[in-house]
Each structure stands twice: as C-alpha cells, then as structure tokens.
C-alpha cells in the first residue's frame, strides 16, 4: 500500500516538473516564432534584392528555398522541438492528474 508521504512527494515532484515543462514549452514556441520571423526577413531581403531567378513560380520558390536553406532548417528543427515540448507537457499533466487521483484514493474520498 502506498503511504501519504509518497503520494505527497510525487505530487510535489509532478507539480515542479510540470512548471518546468510549461516554461520549456513557452520557450520553444518563442524560439520557433523568432526563427520564423528570421526566415521571413531573409526571404524579404532576397526578394527585394532581386536575387531570385526562374521562369515560373515553382522555380522561383525552389530558388528562394535554396537561398534560405539555413533558416528553413532552423524553423523545421525548432518546430520539432516545440512539438516535443508540447508532448512532454501533456504527459506531465497526465502524471499530475494521476497522482491527484491517487491522493484522493489514499485520503479515502
């Protein structure tokens, strides 16, 4: 049988982990937004500089993607990071909910 102290310790640990995960998720989203803005600025600079070549729209899009490859890679990596941070946050919310349910059971509710 699980004792009240173990439940309390796990509740406190889950709460602290959730708080840290929330901060990480916000940070991941902010980094993603900054990377998207940097990509937009790079694209604007390239477009305004007349550096895009190509006879049709698809060719011009491909050339733009080639010229902004580093920024596109950064956005893609940060998008994955943000998704992972969100998933970790959901897992920790569930863990906290589970420990709350255990606490109610131990308390006899």
PDB file of N, CA and C in Angstrom:
ATOM      1  N   UNK A   1       0.842  -1.188   0.000  1.00  0.00           N
ATOM      2  CA  UNK A   1       0.000   0.000   0.000  1.00  0.00           C
ATOM      3  C   UNK A   1       0.881   1.243   0.000  1.00  0.00           C
ATOM      4  N   UNK A   2       0.428   2.238  -0.697  1.00  0.00           N
ATOM      5  CA  UNK A   2       1.185   3.477  -0.824  1.00  0.00           C
ATOM      6  C   UNK A   2       0.817   4.404   0.340  1.00  0.00           C
ATOM      7  N   UNK A   3       1.835   5.050   0.898  1.00  0.00           N
ATOM      8  CA  UNK A   3       1.557   5.927   2.043  1.00  0.00           C
ATOM      9  C   UNK A   3       1.392   7.380   1.593  1.00  0.00           C
ATOM     10  N   UNK A   4       0.854   8.186   2.493  1.00  0.00           N
ATOM     11  CA  UNK A   4       0.546   9.582   2.170  1.00  0.00           C
ATOM     12  C   UNK A   4       1.796  10.381   1.821  1.00  0.00           C
ATOM     13  N   UNK A   5       2.912  10.105   2.481  1.00  0.00           N
ATOM     14  CA  UNK A   5       4.141  10.848   2.204  1.00  0.00           C
ATOM     15  C   UNK A   5       4.635  10.590   0.786  1.00  0.00           C
ATOM     16  N   UNK A   6       4.527   9.346   0.351  1.00  0.00           N
ATOM     17  CA  UNK A   6       4.938   9.013  -1.017  1.00  0.00           C
ATOM     18  C   UNK A   6       4.064   9.751  -2.026  1.00  0.00           C
ATOM     19  N   UNK A   7       2.782   9.787  -1.756  1.00  0.00           N
ATOM     20  CA  UNK A   7       1.854  10.496  -2.643  1.00  0.00           C
ATOM     21  C   UNK A   7       2.190  11.982  -2.664  1.00  0.00           C
ATOM     22  N   UNK A   8       2.404  12.556  -1.484  1.00  0.00           N
ATOM     23  CA  UNK A   8       2.738  13.977  -1.391  1.00  0.00           C
ATOM     24  C   UNK A   8       4.034  14.274  -2.137  1.00  0.00           C
ATOM     25  N   UNK A   9       5.050  13.451  -1.939  1.00  0.00           N
ATOM     26  CA  UNK A   9       6.326  13.642  -2.624  1.00  0.00           C
ATOM     27  C   UNK A   9       6.146  13.601  -4.144  1.00  0.00           C
ATOM     28  N   UNK A  10       5.350  12.651  -4.610  1.00  0.00           N
ATOM     29  CA  UNK A  10       5.115  12.533  -6.045  1.00  0.00           C
ATOM     30  C   UNK A  10       4.282  13.684  -6.597  1.00  0.00           C
ATOM     31  N   UNK A  11       3.332  14.163  -5.816  1.00  0.00           N
ATOM     32  CA  UNK A  11       2.557  15.336  -6.229  1.00  0.00           C
ATOM     33  C   UNK A  11       3.458  16.555  -6.365  1.00  0.00           C
ATOM     34  N   UNK A  12       4.325  16.756  -5.390  1.00  0.00           N
ATOM     35  CA  UNK A  12       5.237  17.897  -5.433  1.00  0.00           C
ATOM     36  C   UNK A  12       6.205  17.786  -6.606  1.00  0.00           C
ATOM     37  N   UNK A  13       6.718  16.589  -6.827  1.00  0.00           N
ATOM     38  CA  UNK A  13       7.643  16.362  -7.940  1.00  0.00           C
ATOM     39  C   UNK A  13       6.947  16.588  -9.281  1.00  0.00           C
ATOM     40  N   UNK A  14       5.739  16.065  -9.416  1.00  0.00           N
ATOM     41  CA  UNK A  14       4.991  16.223 -10.668  1.00  0.00           C
ATOM     42  C   UNK A  14       4.648  17.690 -10.921  1.00  0.00           C
ATOM     43  N   UNK A  15       4.311  18.409  -9.857  1.00  0.00           N
ATOM     44  CA  UNK A  15       3.994  19.834  -9.998  1.00  0.00           C
ATOM     45  C   UNK A  15       5.218  20.618 -10.452  1.00  0.00           C
ATOM     46  N   UNK A  16       6.358  20.355  -9.839  1.00  0.00           N
ATOM     47  CA  UNK A  16       7.589  21.046 -10.223  1.00  0.00           C
ATOM     48  C   UNK A  16       7.985  20.708 -11.660  1.00  0.00           C
ATOM     49  N   UNK A  17       7.856  19.447 -12.030  1.00  0.00           N
ATOM     50  CA  UNK A  17       8.190  19.033 -13.392  1.00  0.00           C
ATOM     51  C   UNK A  17       7.254  19.687 -14.401  1.00  0.00           C
ATOM     52  N   UNK A  18       5.981  19.805 -14.044  1.00  0.00           N
ATOM     53  CA  UNK A  18       5.011  20.443 -14.923  1.00  0.00           C
ATOM     54  C   UNK A  18       5.342  21.922 -15.108  1.00  0.00           C
ATOM     55  N   UNK A  19       5.689  22.595 -14.030  1.00  0.00           N
ATOM     56  CA  UNK A  19       6.061  24.010 -14.130  1.00  0.00           C
ATOM     57  C   UNK A  19       7.264  24.189 -15.043  1.00  0.00           C
ATOM     58  N   UNK A  20       8.270  23.349 -14.882  1.00  0.00           N
ATOM     59  CA  UNK A  20       9.461  23.430 -15.735  1.00  0.00           C
ATOM     60  C   UNK A  20       9.103  23.147 -17.194  1.00  0.00           C
ATOM     61  N   UNK A  21       8.235  22.176 -17.426  1.00  0.00           N
ATOM     62  CA  UNK A  21       7.827  21.828 -18.786  1.00  0.00           C
ATOM     63  C   UNK A  21       7.022  22.957 -19.428  1.00  0.00           C
ATOM     64  N   UNK A  22       6.206  23.632 -18.637  1.00  0.00           N
ATOM     65  CA  UNK A  22       5.451  24.766 -19.167  1.00  0.00           C
ATOM     66  C   UNK A  22       6.391  25.873 -19.617  1.00  0.00           C
ATOM     67  N   UNK A  23       7.412  26.146 -18.817  1.00  0.00           N
ATOM     68  CA  UNK A  23       8.399  27.162 -19.202  1.00  0.00           C
ATOM     69  C   UNK A  23       9.149  26.740 -20.462  1.00  0.00           C
ATOM     70  N   UNK A  24       9.499  25.464 -20.551  1.00  0.00           N
ATOM     71  CA  UNK A  24      10.195  24.957 -21.731  1.00  0.00           C
ATOM     72  C   UNK A  24       9.306  25.041 -22.968  1.00  0.00           C
ATOM     73  N   UNK A  25       8.033  24.727 -22.825  1.00  0.00           N
ATOM     74  CA  UNK A  25       7.116  24.801 -23.965  1.00  0.00           C
ATOM     75  C   UNK A  25       6.965  26.239 -24.452  1.00  0.00           C
ATOM     76  N   UNK A  26       6.855  27.169 -23.526  1.00  0.00           N
ATOM     77  CA  UNK A  26       6.760  28.586 -23.903  1.00  0.00           C
ATOM     78  C   UNK A  26       8.057  29.015 -24.592  1.00  0.00           C
ATOM     79  N   UNK A  27       9.184  28.637 -24.027  1.00  0.00           N
ATOM     80  CA  UNK A  27      10.475  28.980 -24.621  1.00  0.00           C
ATOM     81  C   UNK A  27      10.601  28.394 -26.022  1.00  0.00           C
ATOM     82  N   UNK A  28      10.163  27.161 -26.202  1.00  0.00           N
ATOM     83  CA  UNK A  28      10.233  26.518 -27.514  1.00  0.00           C
ATOM     84  C   UNK A  28       9.374  27.269 -28.532  1.00  0.00           C
ATOM     85  N   UNK A  29       8.208  27.693 -28.112  1.00  0.00           N
ATOM     86  CA  UNK A  29       7.326  28.448 -29.013  1.00  0.00           C
ATOM     87  C   UNK A  29       7.931  29.800 -29.364  1.00  0.00           C
ATOM     88  N   UNK A  30       8.529  30.462 -28.385  1.00  0.00           N
ATOM     89  CA  UNK A  30       9.156  31.764 -28.632  1.00  0.00           C
ATOM     90  C   UNK A  30      10.323  31.610 -29.609  1.00  0.00           C
ATOM     91  N   UNK A  31      11.160  30.585 -29.395  1.00  0.00           N
ATOM     92  CA  UNK A  31      12.280  30.344 -30.308  1.00  0.00           C
ATOM     93  C   UNK A  31      11.776  30.049 -31.717  1.00  0.00           C
ATOM     94  N   UNK A  32      10.692  29.293 -31.830  1.00  0.00           N
ATOM     95  CA  UNK A  32      10.116  28.995 -33.135  1.00  0.00           C
ATOM     96  C   UNK A  32       9.608  30.268 -33.811  1.00  0.00           C
ATOM     97  N   UNK A  33       8.902  31.102 -33.061  1.00  0.00           N
ATOM     98  CA  UNK A  33       8.400  32.358 -33.632  1.00  0.00           C
ATOM     99  C   UNK A  33       9.543  33.257 -34.094  1.00  0.00           C
ATOM    100  N   UNK A  34      10.610  33.315 -33.319  1.00  0.00           N
ATOM    101  CA  UNK A  34      11.773  34.126 -33.720  1.00  0.00           C
ATOM    102  C   UNK A  34      12.418  33.577 -34.986  1.00  0.00           C
ATOM    103  N   UNK A  35      12.516  32.263 -35.090  1.00  0.00           N
ATOM    104  CA  UNK A  35      13.097  31.650 -36.280  1.00  0.00           C
ATOM    105  C   UNK A  35      12.223  31.905 -37.503  1.00  0.00           C
ATOM    106  N   UNK A  36      10.915  31.834 -37.333  1.00  0.00           N
ATOM    107  CA  UNK A  36      10.005  32.121 -38.443  1.00  0.00           C
ATOM    108  C   UNK A  36      10.152  33.569 -38.894  1.00  0.00           C
ATOM    109  N   UNK A  37      10.309  34.461 -37.936  1.00  0.00           N
ATOM    110  CA  UNK A  37      10.495  35.875 -38.269  1.00  0.00           C
ATOM    111  C   UNK A  37      11.822  36.081 -39.000  1.00  0.00           C
ATOM    112  N   UNK A  38      12.870  35.402 -38.559  1.00  0.00           N
ATOM    113  CA  UNK A  38      14.165  35.496 -39.242  1.00  0.00           C
ATOM    114  C   UNK A  38      14.058  34.962 -40.675  1.00  0.00           C
ATOM    115  N   UNK A  39      13.317  33.887 -40.850  1.00  0.00           N
ATOM    116  CA  UNK A  39      13.089  33.338 -42.189  1.00  0.00           C
ATOM    117  C   UNK A  39      12.353  34.348 -43.057  1.00  0.00           C
ATOM    118  N   UNK A  40      11.327  34.943 -42.509  1.00  0.00           N
ATOM    119  CA  UNK A  40      10.552  35.936 -43.268  1.00  0.00           C
ATOM    120  C   UNK A  40      11.429  37.114 -43.677  1.00  0.00           C
ATOM    121  N   UNK A  41      12.273  37.580 -42.740  1.00  0.00           N
ATOM    122  CA  UNK A  41      13.167  38.697 -43.056  1.00  0.00           C
ATOM    123  C   UNK A  41      14.166  38.303 -44.145  1.00  0.00           C
ATOM    124  N   UNK A  42      14.711  37.086 -44.066  1.00  0.00           N
ATOM    125  CA  UNK A  42      15.658  36.617 -45.071  1.00  0.00           C
ATOM    126  C   UNK A  42      14.981  36.529 -46.441  1.00  0.00           C
ATOM    127  N   UNK A  43      13.761  35.993 -46.454  1.00  0.00           N
ATOM    128  CA  UNK A  43      13.024  35.900 -47.719  1.00  0.00           C
ATOM    129  C   UNK A  43      12.752  37.290 -48.284  1.00  0.00           C
ATOM    130  N   UNK A  44      12.338  38.216 -47.429  1.00  0.00           N
ATOM    131  CA  UNK A  44      12.064  39.581 -47.885  1.00  0.00           C
ATOM    132  C   UNK A  44      13.317  40.229 -48.469  1.00  0.00           C
ATOM    133  N   UNK A  45      14.431  40.041 -47.783  1.00  0.00           N
ATOM    134  CA  UNK A  45      15.677  40.632 -48.252  1.00  0.00           C
ATOM    135  C   UNK A  45      16.075  40.062 -49.617  1.00  0.00           C
ATOM    136  N   UNK A  46      15.916  38.769 -49.775  1.00  0.00           N
ATOM    137  CA  UNK A  46      16.246  38.130 -51.053  1.00  0.00           C
ATOM    138  C   UNK A  46      15.307  38.610 -52.154  1.00  0.00           C
ATOM    139  N   UNK A  47      14.012  38.654 -51.835  1.00  0.00           N
ATOM    140  CA  UNK A  47      13.034  39.087 -52.835  1.00  0.00           C
ATOM    141  C   UNK A  47      13.249  40.549 -53.225  1.00  0.00           C
ATOM    142  N   UNK A  48      13.507  41.387 -52.243  1.00  0.00           N
ATOM    143  CA  UNK A  48      13.715  42.811 -52.522  1.00  0.00           C
ATOM    144  C   UNK A  48      15.052  43.057 -53.236  1.00  0.00           C
ATOM    145  N   UNK A  49      15.994  42.148 -53.050  1.00  0.00           N
ATOM    146  CA  UNK A  49      17.300  42.291 -53.687  1.00  0.00           C
ATOM    147  C   UNK A  49      17.343  41.771 -55.109  1.00  0.00           C
ATOM    148  N   UNK A  50      16.246  41.209 -55.561  1.00  0.00           N
ATOM    149  CA  UNK A  50      16.190  40.715 -56.933  1.00  0.00           C
ATOM    150  C   UNK A  50      17.096  39.518 -57.181  1.00  0.00           C
ATOM    151  N   UNK A  51      17.322  38.721 -56.160  1.00  0.00           N
ATOM    152  CA  UNK A  51      18.232  37.576 -56.288  1.00  0.00           C
ATOM    153  C   UNK A  51      17.555  36.308 -56.790  1.00  0.00           C
ATOM    154  N   UNK A  52      16.247  36.352 -56.962  1.00  0.00           N
ATOM    155  CA  UNK A  52      15.505  35.161 -57.363  1.00  0.00           C
ATOM    156  C   UNK A  52      15.477  35.063 -58.881  1.00  0.00           C
ATOM    157  N   UNK A  53      15.806  33.882 -59.357  1.00  0.00           N
ATOM    158  CA  UNK A  53      15.802  33.622 -60.791  1.00  0.00           C
ATOM    159  C   UNK A  53      14.814  32.495 -61.084  1.00  0.00           C
ATOM    160  N   UNK A  54      14.340  32.454 -62.280  1.00  0.00           N
ATOM    161  CA  UNK A  54      13.448  31.380 -62.691  1.00  0.00           C
ATOM    162  C   UNK A  54      12.348  31.891 -63.586  1.00  0.00           C
ATOM    163  N   UNK A  55      11.887  31.008 -64.464  1.00  0.00           N
ATOM    164  CA  UNK A  55      10.874  31.392 -65.438  1.00  0.00           C
ATOM    165  C   UNK A  55       9.457  31.257 -64.898  1.00  0.00           C
ATOM    166  N   UNK A  56       9.268  30.345 -63.932  1.00  0.00           N
ATOM    167  CA  UNK A  56       7.911  30.175 -63.400  1.00  0.00           C
ATOM    168  C   UNK A  56       7.945  30.249 -61.870  1.00  0.00           C
ATOM    169  N   UNK A  57       6.756  30.301 -61.301  1.00  0.00           N
ATOM    170  CA  UNK A  57       6.642  30.483 -59.845  1.00  0.00           C
ATOM    171  C   UNK A  57       7.305  29.347 -59.072  1.00  0.00           C
ATOM    172  N   UNK A  58       7.116  28.126 -59.501  1.00  0.00           N
ATOM    173  CA  UNK A  58       7.689  26.970 -58.795  1.00  0.00           C
ATOM    174  C   UNK A  58       9.209  27.028 -58.787  1.00  0.00           C
ATOM    175  N   UNK A  59       9.793  27.416 -59.899  1.00  0.00           N
ATOM    176  CA  UNK A  59      11.251  27.530 -59.978  1.00  0.00           C
ATOM    177  C   UNK A  59      11.739  28.639 -59.053  1.00  0.00           C
ATOM    178  N   UNK A  60      11.027  29.741 -59.026  1.00  0.00           N
ATOM    179  CA  UNK A  60      11.406  30.853 -58.141  1.00  0.00           C
ATOM    180  C   UNK A  60      11.273  30.449 -56.669  1.00  0.00           C
ATOM    181  N   UNK A  61      10.212  29.693 -56.334  1.00  0.00           N
ATOM    182  CA  UNK A  61      10.038  29.197 -54.958  1.00  0.00           C
ATOM    183  C   UNK A  61      11.194  28.272 -54.576  1.00  0.00           C
ATOM    184  N   UNK A  62      11.591  27.406 -55.488  1.00  0.00           N
ATOM    185  CA  UNK A  62      12.693  26.485 -55.219  1.00  0.00           C
ATOM    186  C   UNK A  62      13.996  27.246 -55.019  1.00  0.00           C
ATOM    187  N   UNK A  63      14.212  28.277 -55.811  1.00  0.00           N
ATOM    188  CA  UNK A  63      15.425  29.088 -55.679  1.00  0.00           C
ATOM    189  C   UNK A  63      15.417  29.828 -54.339  1.00  0.00           C
ATOM    190  N   UNK A  64      14.268  30.354 -53.956  1.00  0.00           N
ATOM    191  CA  UNK A  64      14.153  31.030 -52.657  1.00  0.00           C
ATOM    192  C   UNK A  64      14.441  30.050 -51.520  1.00  0.00           C
ATOM    193  N   UNK A  65      13.907  28.849 -51.621  1.00  0.00           N
ATOM    194  CA  UNK A  65      14.151  27.832 -50.597  1.00  0.00           C
ATOM    195  C   UNK A  65      15.636  27.476 -50.530  1.00  0.00           C
ATOM    196  N   UNK A  66      16.274  27.431 -51.678  1.00  0.00           N
ATOM    197  CA  UNK A  66      17.716  27.142 -51.712  1.00  0.00           C
ATOM    198  C   UNK A  66      18.501  28.246 -51.017  1.00  0.00           C
ATOM    199  N   UNK A  67      18.112  29.472 -51.247  1.00  0.00           N
ATOM    200  CA  UNK A  67      18.830  30.614 -50.663  1.00  0.00           C
ATOM    201  C   UNK A  67      18.541  30.800 -49.173  1.00  0.00           C
ATOM    202  N   UNK A  68      17.441  30.238 -48.711  1.00  0.00           N
ATOM    203  CA  UNK A  68      17.086  30.363 -47.283  1.00  0.00           C
ATOM    204  C   UNK A  68      17.167  29.012 -46.575  1.00  0.00           C
ATOM    205  N   UNK A  69      17.968  28.118 -47.084  1.00  0.00           N
ATOM    206  CA  UNK A  69      18.059  26.765 -46.542  1.00  0.00           C
ATOM    207  C   UNK A  69      18.389  26.716 -45.062  1.00  0.00           C
ATOM    208  N   UNK A  70      19.332  27.548 -44.624  1.00  0.00           N
ATOM    209  CA  UNK A  70      19.716  27.542 -43.210  1.00  0.00           C
ATOM    210  C   UNK A  70      18.532  27.956 -42.333  1.00  0.00           C
ATOM    211  N   UNK A  71      17.839  28.997 -42.736  1.00  0.00           N
ATOM    212  CA  UNK A  71      16.687  29.477 -41.971  1.00  0.00           C
ATOM    213  C   UNK A  71      15.556  28.452 -41.974  1.00  0.00           C
ATOM    214  N   UNK A  72      15.326  27.822 -43.121  1.00  0.00           N
ATOM    215  CA  UNK A  72      14.292  26.786 -43.204  1.00  0.00           C
ATOM    216  C   UNK A  72      14.622  25.603 -42.297  1.00  0.00           C
ATOM    217  N   UNK A  73      15.891  25.207 -42.281  1.00  0.00           N
ATOM    218  CA  UNK A  73      16.308  24.106 -41.405  1.00  0.00           C
ATOM    219  C   UNK A  73      16.107  24.461 -39.937  1.00  0.00           C
ATOM    220  N   UNK A  74      16.413  25.700 -39.590  1.00  0.00           N
ATOM    221  CA  UNK A  74      16.247  26.156 -38.205  1.00  0.00           C
ATOM    222  C   UNK A  74      14.771  26.130 -37.804  1.00  0.00           C
ATOM    223  N   UNK A  75      13.906  26.609 -38.681  1.00  0.00           N
ATOM    224  CA  UNK A  75      12.466  26.587 -38.396  1.00  0.00           C
ATOM    225  C   UNK A  75      11.988  25.150 -38.238  1.00  0.00           C
ATOM    226  N   UNK A  76      12.427  24.267 -39.111  1.00  0.00           N
ATOM    227  CA  UNK A  76      12.000  22.864 -39.035  1.00  0.00           C
ATOM    228  C   UNK A  76      12.455  22.232 -37.722  1.00  0.00           C
ATOM    229  N   UNK A  77      13.693  22.458 -37.335  1.00  0.00           N
ATOM    230  CA  UNK A  77      14.213  21.886 -36.084  1.00  0.00           C
ATOM    231  C   UNK A  77      13.474  22.437 -34.875  1.00  0.00           C
ATOM    232  N   UNK A  78      13.203  23.729 -34.890  1.00  0.00           N
ATOM    233  CA  UNK A  78      12.501  24.335 -33.756  1.00  0.00           C
ATOM    234  C   UNK A  78      11.033  23.938 -33.719  1.00  0.00           C
ATOM    235  N   UNK A  79      10.460  23.651 -34.871  1.00  0.00           N
ATOM    236  CA  UNK A  79       9.080  23.153 -34.911  1.00  0.00           C
ATOM    237  C   UNK A  79       9.007  21.777 -34.239  1.00  0.00           C
ATOM    238  N   UNK A  80       9.973  20.926 -34.536  1.00  0.00           N
ATOM    239  CA  UNK A  80      10.039  19.610 -33.890  1.00  0.00           C
ATOM    240  C   UNK A  80      10.225  19.773 -32.384  1.00  0.00           C
ATOM    241  N   UNK A  81      11.109  20.677 -32.005  1.00  0.00           N
ATOM    242  CA  UNK A  81      11.354  20.934 -30.584  1.00  0.00           C
ATOM    243  C   UNK A  81      10.079  21.402 -29.879  1.00  0.00           C
ATOM    244  N   UNK A  82       9.328  22.279 -30.523  1.00  0.00           N
ATOM    245  CA  UNK A  82       8.088  22.781 -29.924  1.00  0.00           C
ATOM    246  C   UNK A  82       7.051  21.666 -29.789  1.00  0.00           C
ATOM    247  N   UNK A  83       6.966  20.808 -30.791  1.00  0.00           N
ATOM    248  CA  UNK A  83       6.029  19.683 -30.725  1.00  0.00           C
ATOM    249  C   UNK A  83       6.414  18.750 -29.576  1.00  0.00           C
ATOM    250  N   UNK A  84       7.691  18.472 -29.450  1.00  0.00           N
ATOM    251  CA  UNK A  84       8.171  17.590 -28.370  1.00  0.00           C
ATOM    252  C   UNK A  84       7.920  18.217 -27.003  1.00  0.00           C
ATOM    253  N   UNK A  85       8.141  19.518 -26.892  1.00  0.00           N
ATOM    254  CA  UNK A  85       7.895  20.206 -25.621  1.00  0.00           C
ATOM    255  C   UNK A  85       6.407  20.148 -25.267  1.00  0.00           C
ATOM    256  N   UNK A  86       5.547  20.295 -26.262  1.00  0.00           N
ATOM    257  CA  UNK A  86       4.108  20.184 -26.030  1.00  0.00           C
ATOM    258  C   UNK A  86       3.709  18.781 -25.605  1.00  0.00           C
ATOM    259  N   UNK A  87       4.321  17.777 -26.218  1.00  0.00           N
ATOM    260  CA  UNK A  87       4.022  16.390 -25.849  1.00  0.00           C
ATOM    261  C   UNK A  87       4.470  16.111 -24.420  1.00  0.00           C
ATOM    262  N   UNK A  88       5.652  16.583 -24.066  1.00  0.00           N
ATOM    263  CA  UNK A  88       6.153  16.396 -22.696  1.00  0.00           C
ATOM    264  C   UNK A  88       5.215  17.071 -21.700  1.00  0.00           C
ATOM    265  N   UNK A  89       4.714  18.226 -22.056  1.00  0.00           N
ATOM    266  CA  UNK A  89       3.783  18.951 -21.189  1.00  0.00           C
ATOM    267  C   UNK A  89       2.506  18.149 -20.971  1.00  0.00           C
ATOM    268  N   UNK A  90       1.972  17.559 -22.034  1.00  0.00           N
ATOM    269  CA  UNK A  90       0.762  16.741 -21.902  1.00  0.00           C
ATOM    270  C   UNK A  90       1.001  15.518 -21.015  1.00  0.00           C
ATOM    271  N   UNK A  91       2.155  14.885 -21.174  1.00  0.00           N
ATOM    272  CA  UNK A  91       2.488  13.716 -20.352  1.00  0.00           C
ATOM    273  C   UNK A  91       2.551  14.110 -18.882  1.00  0.00           C
ATOM    274  N   UNK A  92       3.179  15.229 -18.595  1.00  0.00           N
ATOM    275  CA  UNK A  92       3.306  15.664 -17.202  1.00  0.00           C
ATOM    276  C   UNK A  92       1.958  16.085 -16.614  1.00  0.00           C
ATOM    277  N   UNK A  93       1.100  16.656 -17.429  1.00  0.00           N
ATOM    278  CA  UNK A  93      -0.254  16.988 -16.940  1.00  0.00           C
ATOM    279  C   UNK A  93      -1.002  15.719 -16.546  1.00  0.00           C
ATOM    280  N   UNK A  94      -0.858  14.692 -17.380  1.00  0.00           N
ATOM    281  CA  UNK A  94      -1.497  13.411 -17.075  1.00  0.00           C
ATOM    282  C   UNK A  94      -0.905  12.782 -15.815  1.00  0.00           C
ATOM    283  N   UNK A  95       0.405  12.878 -15.661  1.00  0.00           N
ATOM    284  CA  UNK A  95       1.056  12.329 -14.471  1.00  0.00           C
ATOM    285  C   UNK A  95       0.537  13.039 -13.206  1.00  0.00           C
ATOM    286  N   UNK A  96       0.421  14.354 -13.272  1.00  0.00           N
ATOM    287  CA  UNK A  96      -0.088  15.094 -12.122  1.00  0.00           C
ATOM    288  C   UNK A  96      -1.536  14.699 -11.835  1.00  0.00           C
ATOM    289  N   UNK A  97      -2.337  14.562 -12.872  1.00  0.00           N
ATOM    290  CA  UNK A  97      -3.730  14.150 -12.686  1.00  0.00           C
ATOM    291  C   UNK A  97      -3.809  12.764 -12.054  1.00  0.00           C
ATOM    292  N   UNK A  98      -2.918  11.886 -12.468  1.00  0.00           N
ATOM    293  CA  UNK A  98      -2.885  10.536 -11.896  1.00  0.00           C
ATOM    294  C   UNK A  98      -2.549  10.592 -10.412  1.00  0.00           C
ATOM    295  N   UNK A  99      -1.545  11.364 -10.056  1.00  0.00           N
ATOM    296  CA  UNK A  99      -1.169  11.459  -8.643  1.00  0.00           C
ATOM    297  C   UNK A  99      -2.248  12.148  -7.817  1.00  0.00           C
ATOM    298  N   UNK A 100      -2.983  13.066  -8.422  1.00  0.00           N
ATOM    299  CA  UNK A 100      -4.111  13.672  -7.707  1.00  0.00           C
ATOM    300  C   UNK A 100      -5.186  12.627  -7.429  1.00  0.00           C
ATOM    301  N   UNK A 101      -5.439  11.779  -8.409  1.00  0.00           N
ATOM    302  CA  UNK A 101      -6.428  10.700  -8.213  1.00  0.00           C
ATOM    303  C   UNK A 101      -5.958   9.725  -7.129  1.00  0.00           C
ATOM    304  N   UNK A 102      -4.678   9.399  -7.133  1.00  0.00           N
ATOM    305  CA  UNK A 102      -4.124   8.515  -6.100  1.00  0.00           C
ATOM    306  C   UNK A 102      -4.276   9.173  -4.724  1.00  0.00           C
ATOM    307  N   UNK A 103      -4.021  10.476  -4.668  1.00  0.00           N
ATOM    308  CA  UNK A 103      -4.142  11.202  -3.400  1.00  0.00           C
ATOM    309  C   UNK A 103      -5.573  11.109  -2.869  1.00  0.00           C
ATOM    310  N   UNK A 104      -6.546  11.237  -3.751  1.00  0.00           N
ATOM    311  CA  UNK A 104      -7.934  11.129  -3.328  1.00  0.00           C
ATOM    312  C   UNK A 104      -8.247   9.725  -2.825  1.00  0.00           C
ATOM    313  N   UNK A 105      -7.716   8.742  -3.493  1.00  0.00           N
ATOM    314  CA  UNK A 105      -7.920   7.354  -3.043  1.00  0.00           C
ATOM    315  C   UNK A 105      -7.283   7.122  -1.669  1.00  0.00           C
ATOM    316  N   UNK A 106      -6.089   7.599  -1.475  1.00  0.00           N
ATOM    317  CA  UNK A 106      -5.387   7.429  -0.212  1.00  0.00           C
ATOM    318  C   UNK A 106      -6.118   8.190   0.908  1.00  0.00           C
ATOM    319  N   UNK A 107      -6.681   9.337   0.550  1.00  0.00           N
ATOM    320  CA  UNK A 107      -7.401  10.129   1.531  1.00  0.00           C
ATOM    321  C   UNK A 107      -8.782   9.524   1.869  1.00  0.00           C
ATOM    322  N   UNK A 108      -9.196   8.564   1.062  1.00  0.00           N
ATOM    323  CA  UNK A 108     -10.447   7.882   1.329  1.00  0.00           C
ATOM    324  C   UNK A 108     -11.672   8.543   0.756  1.00  0.00           C
ATOM    325  N   UNK A 109     -11.485   9.341  -0.266  1.00  0.00           N
ATOM    326  CA  UNK A 109     -12.634  10.023  -0.877  1.00  0.00           C
ATOM    327  C   UNK A 109     -13.336   9.150  -1.860  1.00  0.00           C
TER     328      UNK A 109
END
